[in-house]
Amino acid sequence: MSGVQFPPSPLQIDADLKRSAFFMTFFVYILQSQVNDSFYKGSTNDLVRRFAEHNDGKEMSTSRFLPWTLVWYASKPNRSEAMILEKKLKNLSVIRTIEFIKKYPVPIGGPDVALVRQSGC
């Protein structure tokens, strides 16, 4: 299986992080192992710190398959919404995960982006 590589725009991540500092945004993310193409899905209030923890081997569940690439992320306004999306993503098969990443590429950011655009935010 070839790796799905959709790296997020550094400018978009920076804009999301600045917004999160003010509004306490949470992030839902998908990582892909560069070793075996497996996926890891999680959520955090500090995407940069959490990504570094995964790649520094500080997370037991991801340390075996270092290094990791951030292939998708979305911001959510609170922890409960982030956890709901994280749970849905964790229930996806590998094939469905790849389809999801292709359907909602970064910087679009997820299935609810159409609702945000319609509301004028």
PDB file of N, CA and C in Angstrom:
ATOM      1  N   MET A   1       0.854  -1.177   0.000  1.00  0.00           N
ATOM      2  CA  MET A   1       0.000   0.000   0.000  1.00  0.00           C
ATOM      3  C   MET A   1       0.891   1.228   0.000  1.00  0.00           C
ATOM      4  N   SER A   2       0.701   2.096  -0.962  1.00  0.00           N
ATOM      5  CA  SER A   2       1.506   3.310  -0.982  1.00  0.00           C
ATOM      6  C   SER A   2       0.920   4.320  -0.010  1.00  0.00           C
ATOM      7  N   GLY A   3       1.790   5.126   0.555  1.00  0.00           N
ATOM      8  CA  GLY A   3       1.363   6.087   1.566  1.00  0.00           C
ATOM      9  C   GLY A   3       0.513   7.199   0.988  1.00  0.00           C
ATOM     10  N   VAL A   4      -0.477   7.596   1.736  1.00  0.00           N
ATOM     11  CA  VAL A   4      -1.303   8.739   1.378  1.00  0.00           C
ATOM     12  C   VAL A   4      -0.598   9.957   1.930  1.00  0.00           C
ATOM     13  N   GLN A   5      -0.198  10.870   1.084  1.00  0.00           N
ATOM     14  CA  GLN A   5       0.538  12.040   1.540  1.00  0.00           C
ATOM     15  C   GLN A   5      -0.203  13.307   1.176  1.00  0.00           C
ATOM     16  N   PHE A   6      -0.857  13.900   2.132  1.00  0.00           N
ATOM     17  CA  PHE A   6      -1.550  15.166   1.955  1.00  0.00           C
ATOM     18  C   PHE A   6      -1.079  16.108   3.063  1.00  0.00           C
ATOM     19  N   PRO A   7       0.165  16.578   2.994  1.00  0.00           N
ATOM     20  CA  PRO A   7       0.644  17.411   4.098  1.00  0.00           C
ATOM     21  C   PRO A   7      -0.134  18.713   4.193  1.00  0.00           C
ATOM     22  N   PRO A   8      -0.463  19.102   5.403  1.00  0.00           N
ATOM     23  CA  PRO A   8      -1.194  20.351   5.584  1.00  0.00           C
ATOM     24  C   PRO A   8      -0.309  21.552   5.291  1.00  0.00           C
ATOM     25  N   SER A   9      -0.923  22.601   4.873  1.00  0.00           N
ATOM     26  CA  SER A   9      -0.215  23.844   4.619  1.00  0.00           C
ATOM     27  C   SER A   9       0.303  24.410   5.935  1.00  0.00           C
ATOM     28  N   PRO A  10       1.597  24.739   6.026  1.00  0.00           N
ATOM     29  CA  PRO A  10       2.116  25.338   7.255  1.00  0.00           C
ATOM     30  C   PRO A  10       1.391  26.633   7.615  1.00  0.00           C
ATOM     31  N   LEU A  11       0.974  27.388   6.615  1.00  0.00           N
ATOM     32  CA  LEU A  11       0.247  28.624   6.887  1.00  0.00           C
ATOM     33  C   LEU A  11      -1.105  28.332   7.510  1.00  0.00           C
ATOM     34  N   GLN A  12      -1.759  27.280   7.046  1.00  0.00           N
ATOM     35  CA  GLN A  12      -3.059  26.917   7.599  1.00  0.00           C
ATOM     36  C   GLN A  12      -2.912  26.443   9.040  1.00  0.00           C
ATOM     37  N   ILE A  13      -1.891  25.620   9.310  1.00  0.00           N
ATOM     38  CA  ILE A  13      -1.678  25.154  10.676  1.00  0.00           C
ATOM     39  C   ILE A  13      -1.409  26.349  11.580  1.00  0.00           C
ATOM     40  N   ASP A  14      -0.563  27.290  11.130  1.00  0.00           N
ATOM     41  CA  ASP A  14      -0.249  28.473  11.925  1.00  0.00           C
ATOM     42  C   ASP A  14      -1.513  29.284  12.219  1.00  0.00           C
ATOM     43  N   ALA A  15      -2.361  29.469  11.215  1.00  0.00           N
ATOM     44  CA  ALA A  15      -3.608  30.220  11.412  1.00  0.00           C
ATOM     45  C   ALA A  15      -4.519  29.492  12.389  1.00  0.00           C
ATOM     46  N   ASP A  16      -4.618  28.170  12.270  1.00  0.00           N
ATOM     47  CA  ASP A  16      -5.450  27.390  13.188  1.00  0.00           C
ATOM     48  C   ASP A  16      -4.905  27.458  14.613  1.00  0.00           C
ATOM     49  N   LEU A  17      -3.590  27.418  14.761  1.00  0.00           N
ATOM     50  CA  LEU A  17      -2.999  27.472  16.098  1.00  0.00           C
ATOM     51  C   LEU A  17      -3.212  28.829  16.746  1.00  0.00           C
ATOM     52  N   LYS A  18      -3.103  29.907  15.981  1.00  0.00           N
ATOM     53  CA  LYS A  18      -3.354  31.235  16.529  1.00  0.00           C
ATOM     54  C   LYS A  18      -4.806  31.365  16.974  1.00  0.00           C
ATOM     55  N   ARG A  19      -5.720  30.832  16.168  1.00  0.00           N
ATOM     56  CA  ARG A  19      -7.134  30.874  16.519  1.00  0.00           C
ATOM     57  C   ARG A  19      -7.389  30.033  17.766  1.00  0.00           C
ATOM     58  N   SER A  20      -6.695  28.900  17.877  1.00  0.00           N
ATOM     59  CA  SER A  20      -6.914  28.024  19.024  1.00  0.00           C
ATOM     60  C   SER A  20      -6.425  28.659  20.319  1.00  0.00           C
ATOM     61  N   ALA A  21      -5.385  29.477  20.256  1.00  0.00           N
ATOM     62  CA  ALA A  21      -4.875  30.124  21.461  1.00  0.00           C
ATOM     63  C   ALA A  21      -5.925  31.055  22.057  1.00  0.00           C
ATOM     64  N   PHE A  22      -6.743  31.644  21.219  1.00  0.00           N
ATOM     65  CA  PHE A  22      -7.766  32.570  21.694  1.00  0.00           C
ATOM     66  C   PHE A  22      -9.051  31.841  22.091  1.00  0.00           C
ATOM     67  N   PHE A  23      -9.456  30.864  21.308  1.00  0.00           N
ATOM     68  CA  PHE A  23     -10.742  30.195  21.513  1.00  0.00           C
ATOM     69  C   PHE A  23     -10.637  28.816  22.150  1.00  0.00           C
ATOM     70  N   MET A  24      -9.441  28.357  22.481  1.00  0.00           N
ATOM     71  CA  MET A  24      -9.211  27.020  23.031  1.00  0.00           C
ATOM     72  C   MET A  24      -9.782  25.958  22.101  1.00  0.00           C
ATOM     73  N   THR A  25      -9.377  26.021  20.865  1.00  0.00           N
ATOM     74  CA  THR A  25      -9.764  25.051  19.854  1.00  0.00           C
ATOM     75  C   THR A  25      -9.096  23.713  20.128  1.00  0.00           C
ATOM     76  N   PHE A  26      -9.783  22.663  19.764  1.00  0.00           N
ATOM     77  CA  PHE A  26      -9.218  21.322  19.825  1.00  0.00           C
ATOM     78  C   PHE A  26      -9.020  20.824  18.407  1.00  0.00           C
ATOM     79  N   PHE A  27      -8.075  19.935  18.233  1.00  0.00           N
ATOM     80  CA  PHE A  27      -7.758  19.392  16.916  1.00  0.00           C
ATOM     81  C   PHE A  27      -7.988  17.895  16.902  1.00  0.00           C
ATOM     82  N   VAL A  28      -8.526  17.416  15.801  1.00  0.00           N
ATOM     83  CA  VAL A  28      -8.631  15.994  15.529  1.00  0.00           C
ATOM     84  C   VAL A  28      -7.662  15.762  14.380  1.00  0.00           C
ATOM     85  N   TYR A  29      -6.864  14.699  14.462  1.00  0.00           N
ATOM     86  CA  TYR A  29      -5.822  14.520  13.461  1.00  0.00           C
ATOM     87  C   TYR A  29      -5.655  13.058  13.079  1.00  0.00           C
ATOM     88  N   ILE A  30      -5.060  12.871  11.899  1.00  0.00           N
ATOM     89  CA  ILE A  30      -4.708  11.535  11.431  1.00  0.00           C
ATOM     90  C   ILE A  30      -3.224  11.568  11.068  1.00  0.00           C
ATOM     91  N   LEU A  31      -2.487  10.624  11.640  1.00  0.00           N
ATOM     92  CA  LEU A  31      -1.077  10.449  11.311  1.00  0.00           C
ATOM     93  C   LEU A  31      -0.935   9.186  10.481  1.00  0.00           C
ATOM     94  N   GLN A  32       0.105   9.157   9.640  1.00  0.00           N
ATOM     95  CA  GLN A  32       0.405   7.951   8.888  1.00  0.00           C
ATOM     96  C   GLN A  32       1.866   7.588   9.106  1.00  0.00           C
ATOM     97  N   SER A  33       2.108   6.327   9.407  1.00  0.00           N
ATOM     98  CA  SER A  33       3.459   5.844   9.628  1.00  0.00           C
ATOM     99  C   SER A  33       4.223   5.793   8.314  1.00  0.00           C
ATOM    100  N   GLN A  34       5.448   6.278   8.330  1.00  0.00           N
ATOM    101  CA  GLN A  34       6.305   6.191   7.151  1.00  0.00           C
ATOM    102  C   GLN A  34       6.948   4.808   7.043  1.00  0.00           C
ATOM    103  N   VAL A  35       6.781   3.978   8.078  1.00  0.00           N
ATOM    104  CA  VAL A  35       7.353   2.642   8.090  1.00  0.00           C
ATOM    105  C   VAL A  35       6.416   1.624   7.442  1.00  0.00           C
ATOM    106  N   ASN A  36       5.139   1.643   7.850  1.00  0.00           N
ATOM    107  CA  ASN A  36       4.219   0.613   7.352  1.00  0.00           C
ATOM    108  C   ASN A  36       2.886   1.162   6.842  1.00  0.00           C
ATOM    109  N   ASP A  37       2.793   2.490   6.677  1.00  0.00           N
ATOM    110  CA  ASP A  37       1.593   3.151   6.154  1.00  0.00           C
ATOM    111  C   ASP A  37       0.365   3.028   7.052  1.00  0.00           C
ATOM    112  N   SER A  38       0.510   2.564   8.294  1.00  0.00           N
ATOM    113  CA  SER A  38      -0.633   2.492   9.196  1.00  0.00           C
ATOM    114  C   SER A  38      -1.057   3.893   9.614  1.00  0.00           C
ATOM    115  N   PHE A  39      -2.278   3.991  10.131  1.00  0.00           N
ATOM    116  CA  PHE A  39      -2.824   5.278  10.553  1.00  0.00           C
ATOM    117  C   PHE A  39      -2.994   5.309  12.060  1.00  0.00           C
ATOM    118  N   TYR A  40      -2.853   6.509  12.613  1.00  0.00           N
ATOM    119  CA  TYR A  40      -3.166   6.762  14.016  1.00  0.00           C
ATOM    120  C   TYR A  40      -4.092   7.968  14.034  1.00  0.00           C
ATOM    121  N   LYS A  41      -5.172   7.889  14.807  1.00  0.00           N
ATOM    122  CA  LYS A  41      -6.140   8.978  14.894  1.00  0.00           C
ATOM    123  C   LYS A  41      -6.236   9.436  16.338  1.00  0.00           C
ATOM    124  N   GLY A  42      -6.227  10.759  16.524  1.00  0.00           N
ATOM    125  CA  GLY A  42      -6.284  11.279  17.877  1.00  0.00           C
ATOM    126  C   GLY A  42      -6.839  12.687  17.919  1.00  0.00           C
ATOM    127  N   SER A  43      -6.870  13.255  19.122  1.00  0.00           N
ATOM    128  CA  SER A  43      -7.315  14.635  19.295  1.00  0.00           C
ATOM    129  C   SER A  43      -6.464  15.288  20.380  1.00  0.00           C
ATOM    130  N   THR A  44      -6.354  16.602  20.319  1.00  0.00           N
ATOM    131  CA  THR A  44      -5.516  17.348  21.247  1.00  0.00           C
ATOM    132  C   THR A  44      -5.882  18.824  21.219  1.00  0.00           C
ATOM    133  N   ASN A  45      -5.445  19.550  22.224  1.00  0.00           N
ATOM    134  CA  ASN A  45      -5.614  21.004  22.187  1.00  0.00           C
ATOM    135  C   ASN A  45      -4.325  21.689  21.737  1.00  0.00           C
ATOM    136  N   ASP A  46      -3.264  20.909  21.485  1.00  0.00           N
ATOM    137  CA  ASP A  46      -1.987  21.452  21.024  1.00  0.00           C
ATOM    138  C   ASP A  46      -1.403  20.509  19.974  1.00  0.00           C
ATOM    139  N   LEU A  47      -1.723  20.768  18.728  1.00  0.00           N
ATOM    140  CA  LEU A  47      -1.350  19.872  17.634  1.00  0.00           C
ATOM    141  C   LEU A  47       0.162  19.773  17.456  1.00  0.00           C
ATOM    142  N   VAL A  48       0.872  20.868  17.549  1.00  0.00           N
ATOM    143  CA  VAL A  48       2.327  20.852  17.355  1.00  0.00           C
ATOM    144  C   VAL A  48       3.008  20.022  18.445  1.00  0.00           C
ATOM    145  N   ARG A  49       2.620  20.251  19.702  1.00  0.00           N
ATOM    146  CA  ARG A  49       3.199  19.489  20.811  1.00  0.00           C
ATOM    147  C   ARG A  49       2.902  18.002  20.665  1.00  0.00           C
ATOM    148  N   ARG A  50       1.642  17.684  20.350  1.00  0.00           N
ATOM    149  CA  ARG A  50       1.230  16.275  20.266  1.00  0.00           C
ATOM    150  C   ARG A  50       1.938  15.551  19.127  1.00  0.00           C
ATOM    151  N   PHE A  51       2.078  16.231  17.978  1.00  0.00           N
ATOM    152  CA  PHE A  51       2.782  15.638  16.840  1.00  0.00           C
ATOM    153  C   PHE A  51       4.237  15.355  17.228  1.00  0.00           C
ATOM    154  N   ALA A  52       4.874  16.288  17.914  1.00  0.00           N
ATOM    155  CA  ALA A  52       6.254  16.094  18.364  1.00  0.00           C
ATOM    156  C   ALA A  52       6.342  14.915  19.332  1.00  0.00           C
ATOM    157  N   GLU A  53       5.384  14.774  20.238  1.00  0.00           N
ATOM    158  CA  GLU A  53       5.390  13.648  21.184  1.00  0.00           C
ATOM    159  C   GLU A  53       5.325  12.314  20.446  1.00  0.00           C
ATOM    160  N   HIS A  54       4.476  12.249  19.413  1.00  0.00           N
ATOM    161  CA  HIS A  54       4.390  11.005  18.631  1.00  0.00           C
ATOM    162  C   HIS A  54       5.724  10.699  17.965  1.00  0.00           C
ATOM    163  N   ASN A  55       6.347  11.690  17.352  1.00  0.00           N
ATOM    164  CA  ASN A  55       7.589  11.453  16.614  1.00  0.00           C
ATOM    165  C   ASN A  55       8.818  11.363  17.503  1.00  0.00           C
ATOM    166  N   ASP A  56       8.716  11.783  18.748  1.00  0.00           N
ATOM    167  CA  ASP A  56       9.826  11.642  19.700  1.00  0.00           C
ATOM    168  C   ASP A  56       9.766  10.306  20.429  1.00  0.00           C
ATOM    169  N   GLY A  57       8.767   9.487  20.123  1.00  0.00           N
ATOM    170  CA  GLY A  57       8.642   8.185  20.755  1.00  0.00           C
ATOM    171  C   GLY A  57       8.069   8.239  22.161  1.00  0.00           C
ATOM    172  N   LYS A  58       7.455   9.347  22.539  1.00  0.00           N
ATOM    173  CA  LYS A  58       6.907   9.505  23.893  1.00  0.00           C
ATOM    174  C   LYS A  58       5.534   8.857  24.055  1.00  0.00           C
ATOM    175  N   GLU A  59       4.924   8.475  22.960  1.00  0.00           N
ATOM    176  CA  GLU A  59       3.601   7.833  22.996  1.00  0.00           C
ATOM    177  C   GLU A  59       3.799   6.345  22.704  1.00  0.00           C
ATOM    178  N   MET A  60       3.490   5.493  23.678  1.00  0.00           N
ATOM    179  CA  MET A  60       3.742   4.067  23.527  1.00  0.00           C
ATOM    180  C   MET A  60       3.013   3.466  22.322  1.00  0.00           C
ATOM    181  N   SER A  61       1.792   3.919  22.081  1.00  0.00           N
ATOM    182  CA  SER A  61       1.002   3.307  21.004  1.00  0.00           C
ATOM    183  C   SER A  61       1.523   3.646  19.610  1.00  0.00           C
ATOM    184  N   THR A  62       2.356   4.658  19.470  1.00  0.00           N
ATOM    185  CA  THR A  62       2.866   5.019  18.148  1.00  0.00           C
ATOM    186  C   THR A  62       4.381   4.871  18.025  1.00  0.00           C
ATOM    187  N   SER A  63       5.076   4.559  19.105  1.00  0.00           N
ATOM    188  CA  SER A  63       6.542   4.535  19.067  1.00  0.00           C
ATOM    189  C   SER A  63       7.124   3.438  18.178  1.00  0.00           C
ATOM    190  N   ARG A  64       6.404   2.361  17.969  1.00  0.00           N
ATOM    191  CA  ARG A  64       6.916   1.252  17.142  1.00  0.00           C
ATOM    192  C   ARG A  64       7.010   1.603  15.668  1.00  0.00           C
ATOM    193  N   PHE A  65       6.217   2.571  15.214  1.00  0.00           N
ATOM    194  CA  PHE A  65       6.131   2.817  13.776  1.00  0.00           C
ATOM    195  C   PHE A  65       6.619   4.207  13.375  1.00  0.00           C
ATOM    196  N   LEU A  66       7.611   4.726  14.091  1.00  0.00           N
ATOM    197  CA  LEU A  66       8.215   6.026  13.778  1.00  0.00           C
ATOM    198  C   LEU A  66       8.914   5.989  12.422  1.00  0.00           C
ATOM    199  N   PRO A  67       8.971   7.083  11.725  1.00  0.00           N
ATOM    200  CA  PRO A  67       8.362   8.385  11.975  1.00  0.00           C
ATOM    201  C   PRO A  67       6.944   8.462  11.416  1.00  0.00           C
ATOM    202  N   TRP A  68       6.223   9.494  11.864  1.00  0.00           N
ATOM    203  CA  TRP A  68       4.841   9.725  11.455  1.00  0.00           C
ATOM    204  C   TRP A  68       4.736  10.995  10.633  1.00  0.00           C
ATOM    205  N   THR A  69       3.773  11.005   9.720  1.00  0.00           N
ATOM    206  CA  THR A  69       3.459  12.185   8.919  1.00  0.00           C
ATOM    207  C   THR A  69       2.040  12.609   9.256  1.00  0.00           C
ATOM    208  N   LEU A  70       1.846  13.894   9.450  1.00  0.00           N
ATOM    209  CA  LEU A  70       0.500  14.435   9.661  1.00  0.00           C
ATOM    210  C   LEU A  70      -0.166  14.512   8.296  1.00  0.00           C
ATOM    211  N   VAL A  71      -1.223  13.693   8.082  1.00  0.00           N
ATOM    212  CA  VAL A  71      -1.868  13.654   6.772  1.00  0.00           C
ATOM    213  C   VAL A  71      -3.223  14.350   6.741  1.00  0.00           C
ATOM    214  N   TRP A  72      -3.799  14.613   7.934  1.00  0.00           N
ATOM    215  CA  TRP A  72      -5.108  15.279   7.980  1.00  0.00           C
ATOM    216  C   TRP A  72      -5.337  15.839   9.371  1.00  0.00           C
ATOM    217  N   TYR A  73      -6.019  16.966   9.436  1.00  0.00           N
ATOM    218  CA  TYR A  73      -6.450  17.498  10.723  1.00  0.00           C
ATOM    219  C   TYR A  73      -7.636  18.425  10.512  1.00  0.00           C
ATOM    220  N   ALA A  74      -8.381  18.637  11.560  1.00  0.00           N
ATOM    221  CA  ALA A  74      -9.494  19.588  11.559  1.00  0.00           C
ATOM    222  C   ALA A  74      -9.558  20.204  12.948  1.00  0.00           C
ATOM    223  N   SER A  75     -10.041  21.424  13.017  1.00  0.00           N
ATOM    224  CA  SER A  75     -10.196  22.063  14.316  1.00  0.00           C
ATOM    225  C   SER A  75     -11.661  22.005  14.732  1.00  0.00           C
ATOM    226  N   LYS A  76     -11.865  21.882  16.019  1.00  0.00           N
ATOM    227  CA  LYS A  76     -13.205  21.827  16.604  1.00  0.00           C
ATOM    228  C   LYS A  76     -13.265  22.840  17.740  1.00  0.00           C
ATOM    229  N   PRO A  77     -14.430  23.418  17.995  1.00  0.00           N
ATOM    230  CA  PRO A  77     -14.528  24.485  18.993  1.00  0.00           C
ATOM    231  C   PRO A  77     -14.410  24.022  20.445  1.00  0.00           C
ATOM    232  N   ASN A  78     -14.568  22.720  20.686  1.00  0.00           N
ATOM    233  CA  ASN A  78     -14.474  22.237  22.067  1.00  0.00           C
ATOM    234  C   ASN A  78     -14.071  20.766  22.089  1.00  0.00           C
ATOM    235  N   ARG A  79     -13.728  20.303  23.271  1.00  0.00           N
ATOM    236  CA  ARG A  79     -13.219  18.942  23.425  1.00  0.00           C
ATOM    237  C   ARG A  79     -14.269  17.882  23.087  1.00  0.00           C
ATOM    238  N   SER A  80     -15.517  18.129  23.449  1.00  0.00           N
ATOM    239  CA  SER A  80     -16.540  17.112  23.208  1.00  0.00           C
ATOM    240  C   SER A  80     -16.763  16.885  21.713  1.00  0.00           C
ATOM    241  N   GLU A  81     -16.781  17.950  20.918  1.00  0.00           N
ATOM    242  CA  GLU A  81     -16.931  17.778  19.467  1.00  0.00           C
ATOM    243  C   GLU A  81     -15.718  17.075  18.875  1.00  0.00           C
ATOM    244  N   ALA A  82     -14.534  17.386  19.386  1.00  0.00           N
ATOM    245  CA  ALA A  82     -13.321  16.727  18.904  1.00  0.00           C
ATOM    246  C   ALA A  82     -13.369  15.231  19.215  1.00  0.00           C
ATOM    247  N   MET A  83     -13.829  14.886  20.405  1.00  0.00           N
ATOM    248  CA  MET A  83     -13.886  13.480  20.790  1.00  0.00           C
ATOM    249  C   MET A  83     -14.925  12.702  19.980  1.00  0.00           C
ATOM    250  N   ILE A  84     -16.026  13.355  19.632  1.00  0.00           N
ATOM    251  CA  ILE A  84     -17.042  12.703  18.798  1.00  0.00           C
ATOM    252  C   ILE A  84     -16.466  12.375  17.424  1.00  0.00           C
ATOM    253  N   LEU A  85     -15.777  13.352  16.815  1.00  0.00           N
ATOM    254  CA  LEU A  85     -15.179  13.115  15.501  1.00  0.00           C
ATOM    255  C   LEU A  85     -14.064  12.081  15.595  1.00  0.00           C
ATOM    256  N   GLU A  86     -13.232  12.156  16.626  1.00  0.00           N
ATOM    257  CA  GLU A  86     -12.150  11.186  16.799  1.00  0.00           C
ATOM    258  C   GLU A  86     -12.710   9.765  16.874  1.00  0.00           C
ATOM    259  N   LYS A  87     -13.796   9.580  17.620  1.00  0.00           N
ATOM    260  CA  LYS A  87     -14.405   8.253  17.741  1.00  0.00           C
ATOM    261  C   LYS A  87     -14.896   7.755  16.382  1.00  0.00           C
ATOM    262  N   LYS A  88     -15.509   8.644  15.603  1.00  0.00           N
ATOM    263  CA  LYS A  88     -15.977   8.246  14.268  1.00  0.00           C
ATOM    264  C   LYS A  88     -14.801   7.844  13.392  1.00  0.00           C
ATOM    265  N   LEU A  89     -13.720   8.619  13.443  1.00  0.00           N
ATOM    266  CA  LEU A  89     -12.545   8.299  12.622  1.00  0.00           C
ATOM    267  C   LEU A  89     -11.915   6.984  13.040  1.00  0.00           C
ATOM    268  N   LYS A  90     -11.871   6.717  14.335  1.00  0.00           N
ATOM    269  CA  LYS A  90     -11.261   5.481  14.817  1.00  0.00           C
ATOM    270  C   LYS A  90     -12.059   4.251  14.390  1.00  0.00           C
ATOM    271  N   ASN A  91     -13.327   4.429  14.079  1.00  0.00           N
ATOM    272  CA  ASN A  91     -14.155   3.313  13.624  1.00  0.00           C
ATOM    273  C   ASN A  91     -14.032   3.051  12.124  1.00  0.00           C
ATOM    274  N   LEU A  92     -13.283   3.889  11.403  1.00  0.00           N
ATOM    275  CA  LEU A  92     -13.104   3.692   9.968  1.00  0.00           C
ATOM    276  C   LEU A  92     -12.055   2.617   9.690  1.00  0.00           C
ATOM    277  N   SER A  93     -12.292   1.819   8.677  1.00  0.00           N
ATOM    278  CA  SER A  93     -11.286   0.857   8.224  1.00  0.00           C
ATOM    279  C   SER A  93     -10.156   1.628   7.524  1.00  0.00           C
ATOM    280  N   VAL A  94      -9.095   0.938   7.185  1.00  0.00           N
ATOM    281  CA  VAL A  94      -7.986   1.579   6.465  1.00  0.00           C
ATOM    282  C   VAL A  94      -8.475   2.143   5.139  1.00  0.00           C
ATOM    283  N   ILE A  95      -9.254   1.370   4.409  1.00  0.00           N
ATOM    284  CA  ILE A  95      -9.780   1.822   3.105  1.00  0.00           C
ATOM    285  C   ILE A  95     -10.654   3.054   3.297  1.00  0.00           C
ATOM    286  N   ARG A  96     -11.537   3.018   4.272  1.00  0.00           N
ATOM    287  CA  ARG A  96     -12.429   4.167   4.532  1.00  0.00           C
ATOM    288  C   ARG A  96     -11.630   5.382   5.014  1.00  0.00           C
ATOM    289  N   THR A  97     -10.562   5.157   5.751  1.00  0.00           N
ATOM    290  CA  THR A  97      -9.707   6.265   6.189  1.00  0.00           C
ATOM    291  C   THR A  97      -9.068   6.950   4.992  1.00  0.00           C
ATOM    292  N   ILE A  98      -8.557   6.171   4.063  1.00  0.00           N
ATOM    293  CA  ILE A  98      -7.960   6.733   2.845  1.00  0.00           C
ATOM    294  C   ILE A  98      -9.005   7.497   2.050  1.00  0.00           C
ATOM    295  N   GLU A  99     -10.198   6.926   1.915  1.00  0.00           N
ATOM    296  CA  GLU A  99     -11.285   7.609   1.205  1.00  0.00           C
ATOM    297  C   GLU A  99     -11.646   8.922   1.896  1.00  0.00           C
ATOM    298  N   PHE A 100     -11.683   8.915   3.236  1.00  0.00           N
ATOM    299  CA  PHE A 100     -12.000  10.113   4.000  1.00  0.00           C
ATOM    300  C   PHE A 100     -10.961  11.205   3.752  1.00  0.00           C
ATOM    301  N   ILE A 101      -9.685  10.848   3.809  1.00  0.00           N
ATOM    302  CA  ILE A 101      -8.615  11.828   3.602  1.00  0.00           C
ATOM    303  C   ILE A 101      -8.691  12.426   2.200  1.00  0.00           C
ATOM    304  N   LYS A 102      -8.991  11.587   1.219  1.00  0.00           N
ATOM    305  CA  LYS A 102      -9.111  12.084  -0.160  1.00  0.00           C
ATOM    306  C   LYS A 102     -10.342  12.972  -0.333  1.00  0.00           C
ATOM    307  N   LYS A 103     -11.433  12.623   0.332  1.00  0.00           N
ATOM    308  CA  LYS A 103     -12.673  13.379   0.192  1.00  0.00           C
ATOM    309  C   LYS A 103     -12.609  14.730   0.904  1.00  0.00           C
ATOM    310  N   TYR A 104     -11.912  14.780   2.036  1.00  0.00           N
ATOM    311  CA  TYR A 104     -11.815  16.012   2.839  1.00  0.00           C
ATOM    312  C   TYR A 104     -10.357  16.407   3.040  1.00  0.00           C
ATOM    313  N   PRO A 105      -9.676  16.811   1.972  1.00  0.00           N
ATOM    314  CA  PRO A 105      -8.254  17.140   2.106  1.00  0.00           C
ATOM    315  C   PRO A 105      -8.022  18.407   2.917  1.00  0.00           C
ATOM    316  N   VAL A 106      -6.882  18.451   3.560  1.00  0.00           N
ATOM    317  CA  VAL A 106      -6.447  19.670   4.237  1.00  0.00           C
ATOM    318  C   VAL A 106      -6.104  20.666   3.130  1.00  0.00           C
ATOM    319  N   PRO A 107      -6.420  21.930   3.167  1.00  0.00           N
ATOM    320  CA  PRO A 107      -6.898  22.676   4.304  1.00  0.00           C
ATOM    321  C   PRO A 107      -8.411  22.758   4.418  1.00  0.00           C
ATOM    322  N   ILE A 108      -9.168  21.963   3.665  1.00  0.00           N
ATOM    323  CA  ILE A 108     -10.625  22.012   3.800  1.00  0.00           C
ATOM    324  C   ILE A 108     -11.020  21.676   5.225  1.00  0.00           C
ATOM    325  N   GLY A 109     -10.474  20.611   5.784  1.00  0.00           N
ATOM    326  CA  GLY A 109     -10.590  20.381   7.201  1.00  0.00           C
ATOM    327  C   GLY A 109     -11.725  19.523   7.693  1.00  0.00           C
ATOM    328  N   GLY A 110     -12.556  18.944   6.868  1.00  0.00           N
ATOM    329  CA  GLY A 110     -13.529  18.007   7.405  1.00  0.00           C
ATOM    330  C   GLY A 110     -14.918  18.137   6.842  1.00  0.00           C
ATOM    331  N   PRO A 111     -15.762  17.201   7.216  1.00  0.00           N
ATOM    332  CA  PRO A 111     -17.089  17.105   6.635  1.00  0.00           C
ATOM    333  C   PRO A 111     -18.033  18.230   7.003  1.00  0.00           C
ATOM    334  N   ASP A 112     -17.742  18.958   8.064  1.00  0.00           N
ATOM    335  CA  ASP A 112     -18.653  20.021   8.471  1.00  0.00           C
ATOM    336  C   ASP A 112     -18.249  21.375   7.930  1.00  0.00           C
ATOM    337  N   VAL A 113     -17.247  21.435   7.060  1.00  0.00           N
ATOM    338  CA  VAL A 113     -16.776  22.710   6.514  1.00  0.00           C
ATOM    339  C   VAL A 113     -17.849  23.388   5.658  1.00  0.00           C
ATOM    340  N   ALA A 114     -18.667  22.616   4.968  1.00  0.00           N
ATOM    341  CA  ALA A 114     -19.736  23.217   4.166  1.00  0.00           C
ATOM    342  C   ALA A 114     -20.692  24.012   5.043  1.00  0.00           C
ATOM    343  N   LEU A 115     -20.974  23.504   6.230  1.00  0.00           N
ATOM    344  CA  LEU A 115     -21.862  24.220   7.150  1.00  0.00           C
ATOM    345  C   LEU A 115     -21.223  25.524   7.612  1.00  0.00           C
ATOM    346  N   VAL A 116     -19.923  25.506   7.837  1.00  0.00           N
ATOM    347  CA  VAL A 116     -19.223  26.721   8.254  1.00  0.00           C
ATOM    348  C   VAL A 116     -19.268  27.750   7.135  1.00  0.00           C
ATOM    349  N   ARG A 117     -19.026  27.317   5.914  1.00  0.00           N
ATOM    350  CA  ARG A 117     -19.043  28.238   4.779  1.00  0.00           C
ATOM    351  C   ARG A 117     -20.433  28.830   4.573  1.00  0.00           C
ATOM    352  N   GLN A 118     -21.478  28.012   4.749  1.00  0.00           N
ATOM    353  CA  GLN A 118     -22.837  28.494   4.569  1.00  0.00           C
ATOM    354  C   GLN A 118     -23.208  29.544   5.623  1.00  0.00           C
ATOM    355  N   SER A 119     -22.647  29.399   6.811  1.00  0.00           N
ATOM    356  CA  SER A 119     -22.989  30.334   7.877  1.00  0.00           C
ATOM    357  C   SER A 119     -22.198  31.638   7.773  1.00  0.00           C
ATOM    358  N   GLY A 120     -21.247  31.681   6.833  1.00  0.00           N
ATOM    359  CA  GLY A 120     -20.482  32.904   6.604  1.00  0.00           C
ATOM    360  C   GLY A 120     -19.317  33.092   7.531  1.00  0.00           C
ATOM    361  N   CYS A 121     -18.919  32.065   8.268  1.00  0.00           N
ATOM    362  CA  CYS A 121     -17.772  32.179   9.181  1.00  0.00           C
ATOM    363  C   CYS A 121     -16.477  32.035   8.431  1.00  0.00           C
TER     364      CYS A 121
END
